[in-house]
Amino acid sequence: MQVDVNGQGVTVQAVTLADLLTEQGFEAAAVATAVNGQFVPRPSRANHTLSDGDRIEVLSPMQGG
């Protein structure tokens, strides 16, 4: 399936958002996620099924001040 992850088109085997995070090497506990502009909370990622063409944003916290 073809999806967009942080602005980059990628082909993935993942079926759920949780699978995609693992497949793409993201540390699931340390990121925030959105699919097609809608925030997906951590407990919902395993049940959030992806579709071809979805736009996924994975955001990591930044330190600083």
PDB file of N, CA and C in Angstrom:
ATOM      1  N   MET A   1       0.852  -1.171   0.000  1.00  0.00           N
ATOM      2  CA  MET A   1       0.000   0.000   0.000  1.00  0.00           C
ATOM      3  C   MET A   1       0.896   1.231   0.000  1.00  0.00           C
ATOM      4  N   GLN A   2       0.460   2.259  -0.675  1.00  0.00           N
ATOM      5  CA  GLN A   2       1.204   3.521  -0.758  1.00  0.00           C
ATOM      6  C   GLN A   2       0.575   4.531   0.201  1.00  0.00           C
ATOM      7  N   VAL A   3       1.395   5.074   1.107  1.00  0.00           N
ATOM      8  CA  VAL A   3       0.944   6.109   2.039  1.00  0.00           C
ATOM      9  C   VAL A   3       1.986   7.220   2.063  1.00  0.00           C
ATOM     10  N   ASP A   4       1.637   8.311   2.702  1.00  0.00           N
ATOM     11  CA  ASP A   4       2.526   9.447   2.861  1.00  0.00           C
ATOM     12  C   ASP A   4       2.889   9.541   4.345  1.00  0.00           C
ATOM     13  N   VAL A   5       4.177   9.439   4.669  1.00  0.00           N
ATOM     14  CA  VAL A   5       4.637   9.543   6.055  1.00  0.00           C
ATOM     15  C   VAL A   5       5.518  10.779   6.170  1.00  0.00           C
ATOM     16  N   ASN A   6       5.035  11.755   6.923  1.00  0.00           N
ATOM     17  CA  ASN A   6       5.776  13.004   7.123  1.00  0.00           C
ATOM     18  C   ASN A   6       6.195  13.631   5.797  1.00  0.00           C
ATOM     19  N   GLY A   7       5.279  13.612   4.828  1.00  0.00           N
ATOM     20  CA  GLY A   7       5.537  14.267   3.556  1.00  0.00           C
ATOM     21  C   GLY A   7       6.273  13.436   2.532  1.00  0.00           C
ATOM     22  N   GLN A   8       6.604  12.196   2.879  1.00  0.00           N
ATOM     23  CA  GLN A   8       7.326  11.324   1.955  1.00  0.00           C
ATOM     24  C   GLN A   8       6.453  10.135   1.567  1.00  0.00           C
ATOM     25  N   GLY A   9       6.310   9.882   0.280  1.00  0.00           N
ATOM     26  CA  GLY A   9       5.564   8.722  -0.169  1.00  0.00           C
ATOM     27  C   GLY A   9       6.354   7.448   0.108  1.00  0.00           C
ATOM     28  N   VAL A  10       5.717   6.479   0.748  1.00  0.00           N
ATOM     29  CA  VAL A  10       6.360   5.208   1.050  1.00  0.00           C
ATOM     30  C   VAL A  10       5.390   4.065   0.758  1.00  0.00           C
ATOM     31  N   THR A  11       5.953   2.922   0.408  1.00  0.00           N
ATOM     32  CA  THR A  11       5.170   1.705   0.234  1.00  0.00           C
ATOM     33  C   THR A  11       5.350   0.875   1.496  1.00  0.00           C
ATOM     34  N   VAL A  12       4.244   0.466   2.105  1.00  0.00           N
ATOM     35  CA  VAL A  12       4.299  -0.258   3.371  1.00  0.00           C
ATOM     36  C   VAL A  12       3.481  -1.539   3.299  1.00  0.00           C
ATOM     37  N   GLN A  13       3.805  -2.461   4.179  1.00  0.00           N
ATOM     38  CA  GLN A  13       3.039  -3.689   4.354  1.00  0.00           C
ATOM     39  C   GLN A  13       2.073  -3.553   5.526  1.00  0.00           C
ATOM     40  N   ALA A  14       2.269  -2.529   6.347  1.00  0.00           N
ATOM     41  CA  ALA A  14       1.495  -2.319   7.571  1.00  0.00           C
ATOM     42  C   ALA A  14       0.001  -2.214   7.274  1.00  0.00           C
ATOM     43  N   VAL A  15      -0.798  -2.768   8.176  1.00  0.00           N
ATOM     44  CA  VAL A  15      -2.250  -2.697   8.073  1.00  0.00           C
ATOM     45  C   VAL A  15      -2.795  -1.664   9.051  1.00  0.00           C
ATOM     46  N   THR A  16      -2.146  -1.530  10.213  1.00  0.00           N
ATOM     47  CA  THR A  16      -2.589  -0.579  11.226  1.00  0.00           C
ATOM     48  C   THR A  16      -1.519   0.487  11.451  1.00  0.00           C
ATOM     49  N   LEU A  17      -1.911   1.539  12.124  1.00  0.00           N
ATOM     50  CA  LEU A  17      -0.966   2.605  12.447  1.00  0.00           C
ATOM     51  C   LEU A  17       0.154   2.072  13.344  1.00  0.00           C
ATOM     52  N   ALA A  18      -0.178   1.230  14.303  1.00  0.00           N
ATOM     53  CA  ALA A  18       0.845   0.644  15.179  1.00  0.00           C
ATOM     54  C   ALA A  18       1.850  -0.166  14.359  1.00  0.00           C
ATOM     55  N   ASP A  19       1.352  -0.940  13.390  1.00  0.00           N
ATOM     56  CA  ASP A  19       2.245  -1.713  12.523  1.00  0.00           C
ATOM     57  C   ASP A  19       3.166  -0.793  11.720  1.00  0.00           C
ATOM     58  N   LEU A  20       2.619   0.305  11.234  1.00  0.00           N
ATOM     59  CA  LEU A  20       3.417   1.237  10.441  1.00  0.00           C
ATOM     60  C   LEU A  20       4.546   1.835  11.274  1.00  0.00           C
ATOM     61  N   LEU A  21       4.251   2.208  12.515  1.00  0.00           N
ATOM     62  CA  LEU A  21       5.289   2.784  13.369  1.00  0.00           C
ATOM     63  C   LEU A  21       6.431   1.790  13.565  1.00  0.00           C
ATOM     64  N   THR A  22       6.096   0.539  13.789  1.00  0.00           N
ATOM     65  CA  THR A  22       7.116  -0.502  13.956  1.00  0.00           C
ATOM     66  C   THR A  22       7.897  -0.697  12.662  1.00  0.00           C
ATOM     67  N   GLU A  23       7.167  -0.820  11.567  1.00  0.00           N
ATOM     68  CA  GLU A  23       7.788  -1.056  10.262  1.00  0.00           C
ATOM     69  C   GLU A  23       8.739   0.069   9.868  1.00  0.00           C
ATOM     70  N   GLN A  24       8.385   1.300  10.201  1.00  0.00           N
ATOM     71  CA  GLN A  24       9.197   2.457   9.823  1.00  0.00           C
ATOM     72  C   GLN A  24      10.248   2.812  10.872  1.00  0.00           C
ATOM     73  N   GLY A  25      10.296   2.073  11.985  1.00  0.00           N
ATOM     74  CA  GLY A  25      11.342   2.267  12.986  1.00  0.00           C
ATOM     75  C   GLY A  25      11.124   3.398  13.969  1.00  0.00           C
ATOM     76  N   PHE A  26       9.865   3.820  14.119  1.00  0.00           N
ATOM     77  CA  PHE A  26       9.570   4.869  15.097  1.00  0.00           C
ATOM     78  C   PHE A  26       9.411   4.253  16.481  1.00  0.00           C
ATOM     79  N   GLU A  27       9.832   4.970  17.515  1.00  0.00           N
ATOM     80  CA  GLU A  27       9.631   4.574  18.905  1.00  0.00           C
ATOM     81  C   GLU A  27       8.215   4.986  19.281  1.00  0.00           C
ATOM     82  N   ALA A  28       7.291   4.043  19.267  1.00  0.00           N
ATOM     83  CA  ALA A  28       5.863   4.329  19.404  1.00  0.00           C
ATOM     84  C   ALA A  28       5.507   5.094  20.678  1.00  0.00           C
ATOM     85  N   ALA A  29       6.206   4.838  21.759  1.00  0.00           N
ATOM     86  CA  ALA A  29       5.869   5.493  23.018  1.00  0.00           C
ATOM     87  C   ALA A  29       6.311   6.954  23.053  1.00  0.00           C
ATOM     88  N   ALA A  30       7.198   7.335  22.145  1.00  0.00           N
ATOM     89  CA  ALA A  30       7.781   8.675  22.202  1.00  0.00           C
ATOM     90  C   ALA A  30       7.300   9.600  21.089  1.00  0.00           C
ATOM     91  N   VAL A  31       6.213   9.240  20.399  1.00  0.00           N
ATOM     92  CA  VAL A  31       5.745  10.076  19.300  1.00  0.00           C
ATOM     93  C   VAL A  31       4.248  10.357  19.412  1.00  0.00           C
ATOM     94  N   ALA A  32       3.825  11.409  18.740  1.00  0.00           N
ATOM     95  CA  ALA A  32       2.401  11.704  18.560  1.00  0.00           C
ATOM     96  C   ALA A  32       2.071  11.391  17.107  1.00  0.00           C
ATOM     97  N   THR A  33       0.838  10.950  16.857  1.00  0.00           N
ATOM     98  CA  THR A  33       0.476  10.546  15.503  1.00  0.00           C
ATOM     99  C   THR A  33      -0.842  11.168  15.053  1.00  0.00           C
ATOM    100  N   ALA A  34      -0.919  11.393  13.744  1.00  0.00           N
ATOM    101  CA  ALA A  34      -2.158  11.863  13.118  1.00  0.00           C
ATOM    102  C   ALA A  34      -2.283  11.172  11.764  1.00  0.00           C
ATOM    103  N   VAL A  35      -3.507  10.853  11.392  1.00  0.00           N
ATOM    104  CA  VAL A  35      -3.787  10.274  10.082  1.00  0.00           C
ATOM    105  C   VAL A  35      -4.804  11.179   9.399  1.00  0.00           C
ATOM    106  N   ASN A  36      -4.437  11.666   8.228  1.00  0.00           N
ATOM    107  CA  ASN A  36      -5.287  12.572   7.459  1.00  0.00           C
ATOM    108  C   ASN A  36      -5.745  13.771   8.291  1.00  0.00           C
ATOM    109  N   GLY A  37      -4.817  14.282   9.110  1.00  0.00           N
ATOM    110  CA  GLY A  37      -5.085  15.474   9.900  1.00  0.00           C
ATOM    111  C   GLY A  37      -5.818  15.243  11.208  1.00  0.00           C
ATOM    112  N   GLN A  38      -6.143  14.001  11.531  1.00  0.00           N
ATOM    113  CA  GLN A  38      -6.855  13.687  12.769  1.00  0.00           C
ATOM    114  C   GLN A  38      -5.908  12.985  13.747  1.00  0.00           C
ATOM    115  N   PHE A  39      -5.772  13.563  14.941  1.00  0.00           N
ATOM    116  CA  PHE A  39      -4.939  12.976  15.986  1.00  0.00           C
ATOM    117  C   PHE A  39      -5.402  11.554  16.303  1.00  0.00           C
ATOM    118  N   VAL A  40      -4.439  10.628  16.421  1.00  0.00           N
ATOM    119  CA  VAL A  40      -4.744   9.252  16.814  1.00  0.00           C
ATOM    120  C   VAL A  40      -3.997   8.979  18.120  1.00  0.00           C
ATOM    121  N   PRO A  41      -4.722   8.830  19.246  1.00  0.00           N
ATOM    122  CA  PRO A  41      -4.056   8.579  20.522  1.00  0.00           C
ATOM    123  C   PRO A  41      -3.365   7.215  20.541  1.00  0.00           C
ATOM    124  N   ARG A  42      -2.331   7.107  21.349  1.00  0.00           N
ATOM    125  CA  ARG A  42      -1.548   5.872  21.442  1.00  0.00           C
ATOM    126  C   ARG A  42      -2.412   4.631  21.639  1.00  0.00           C
ATOM    127  N   PRO A  43      -3.397   4.618  22.538  1.00  0.00           N
ATOM    128  CA  PRO A  43      -4.188   3.393  22.728  1.00  0.00           C
ATOM    129  C   PRO A  43      -5.012   2.981  21.501  1.00  0.00           C
ATOM    130  N   SER A  44      -5.234   3.897  20.569  1.00  0.00           N
ATOM    131  CA  SER A  44      -6.055   3.610  19.391  1.00  0.00           C
ATOM    132  C   SER A  44      -5.243   3.165  18.174  1.00  0.00           C
ATOM    133  N   ARG A  45      -3.948   3.242  18.239  1.00  0.00           N
ATOM    134  CA  ARG A  45      -3.111   2.962  17.069  1.00  0.00           C
ATOM    135  C   ARG A  45      -3.234   1.532  16.560  1.00  0.00           C
ATOM    136  N   ALA A  46      -3.342   0.569  17.459  1.00  0.00           N
ATOM    137  CA  ALA A  46      -3.427  -0.840  17.043  1.00  0.00           C
ATOM    138  C   ALA A  46      -4.738  -1.141  16.331  1.00  0.00           C
ATOM    139  N   ASN A  47      -5.756  -0.347  16.578  1.00  0.00           N
ATOM    140  CA  ASN A  47      -7.061  -0.557  15.949  1.00  0.00           C
ATOM    141  C   ASN A  47      -7.321   0.384  14.780  1.00  0.00           C
ATOM    142  N   HIS A  48      -6.401   1.301  14.521  1.00  0.00           N
ATOM    143  CA  HIS A  48      -6.596   2.273  13.446  1.00  0.00           C
ATOM    144  C   HIS A  48      -6.067   1.683  12.134  1.00  0.00           C
ATOM    145  N   THR A  49      -6.972   1.219  11.301  1.00  0.00           N
ATOM    146  CA  THR A  49      -6.617   0.608  10.021  1.00  0.00           C
ATOM    147  C   THR A  49      -6.256   1.684   9.006  1.00  0.00           C
ATOM    148  N   LEU A  50      -5.173   1.432   8.290  1.00  0.00           N
ATOM    149  CA  LEU A  50      -4.719   2.374   7.270  1.00  0.00           C
ATOM    150  C   LEU A  50      -5.340   2.038   5.915  1.00  0.00           C
ATOM    151  N   SER A  51      -5.433   3.049   5.060  1.00  0.00           N
ATOM    152  CA  SER A  51      -5.934   2.891   3.696  1.00  0.00           C
ATOM    153  C   SER A  51      -4.919   3.457   2.723  1.00  0.00           C
ATOM    154  N   ASP A  52      -4.930   2.937   1.526  1.00  0.00           N
ATOM    155  CA  ASP A  52      -4.050   3.438   0.482  1.00  0.00           C
ATOM    156  C   ASP A  52      -4.255   4.948   0.333  1.00  0.00           C
ATOM    157  N   GLY A  53      -3.151   5.686   0.307  1.00  0.00           N
ATOM    158  CA  GLY A  53      -3.217   7.132   0.136  1.00  0.00           C
ATOM    159  C   GLY A  53      -3.314   7.929   1.420  1.00  0.00           C
ATOM    160  N   ASP A  54      -3.393   7.270   2.585  1.00  0.00           N
ATOM    161  CA  ASP A  54      -3.459   7.992   3.854  1.00  0.00           C
ATOM    162  C   ASP A  54      -2.226   8.876   4.029  1.00  0.00           C
ATOM    163  N   ARG A  55      -2.423  10.002   4.723  1.00  0.00           N
ATOM    164  CA  ARG A  55      -1.341  10.918   5.081  1.00  0.00           C
ATOM    165  C   ARG A  55      -1.090  10.778   6.582  1.00  0.00           C
ATOM    166  N   ILE A  56       0.066  10.257   6.942  1.00  0.00           N
ATOM    167  CA  ILE A  56       0.404  10.010   8.339  1.00  0.00           C
ATOM    168  C   ILE A  56       1.477  11.006   8.772  1.00  0.00           C
ATOM    169  N   GLU A  57       1.233  11.634   9.908  1.00  0.00           N
ATOM    170  CA  GLU A  57       2.231  12.521  10.513  1.00  0.00           C
ATOM    171  C   GLU A  57       2.689  11.872  11.814  1.00  0.00           C
ATOM    172  N   VAL A  58       4.000  11.778  11.971  1.00  0.00           N
ATOM    173  CA  VAL A  58       4.600  11.237  13.191  1.00  0.00           C
ATOM    174  C   VAL A  58       5.504  12.326  13.745  1.00  0.00           C
ATOM    175  N   LEU A  59       5.158  12.800  14.940  1.00  0.00           N
ATOM    176  CA  LEU A  59       5.873  13.922  15.538  1.00  0.00           C
ATOM    177  C   LEU A  59       6.589  13.497  16.811  1.00  0.00           C
ATOM    178  N   SER A  60       7.854  13.834  16.899  1.00  0.00           N
ATOM    179  CA  SER A  60       8.637  13.556  18.096  1.00  0.00           C
ATOM    180  C   SER A  60       8.752  14.813  18.925  1.00  0.00           C
ATOM    181  N   PRO A  61       8.761  14.669  20.258  1.00  0.00           N
ATOM    182  CA  PRO A  61       8.917  15.854  21.093  1.00  0.00           C
ATOM    183  C   PRO A  61      10.317  16.451  20.927  1.00  0.00           C
ATOM    184  N   MET A  62      10.386  17.766  21.069  1.00  0.00           N
ATOM    185  CA  MET A  62      11.673  18.453  20.975  1.00  0.00           C
ATOM    186  C   MET A  62      11.936  19.141  22.297  1.00  0.00           C
ATOM    187  N   GLN A  63      13.191  19.111  22.726  1.00  0.00           N
ATOM    188  CA  GLN A  63      13.569  19.797  23.950  1.00  0.00           C
ATOM    189  C   GLN A  63      14.180  21.150  23.592  1.00  0.00           C
ATOM    190  N   GLY A  64      14.088  22.029  24.514  1.00  0.00           N
ATOM    191  CA  GLY A  64      14.673  23.346  24.284  1.00  0.00           C
ATOM    192  C   GLY A  64      13.829  24.405  24.968  1.00  0.00           C
ATOM    193  N   GLY A  65      14.210  25.606  24.765  1.00  0.00           N
ATOM    194  CA  GLY A  65      13.439  26.632  25.428  1.00  0.00           C
ATOM    195  C   GLY A  65      13.579  27.977  24.820  1.00  0.00           C
TER     196      GLY A  65
END
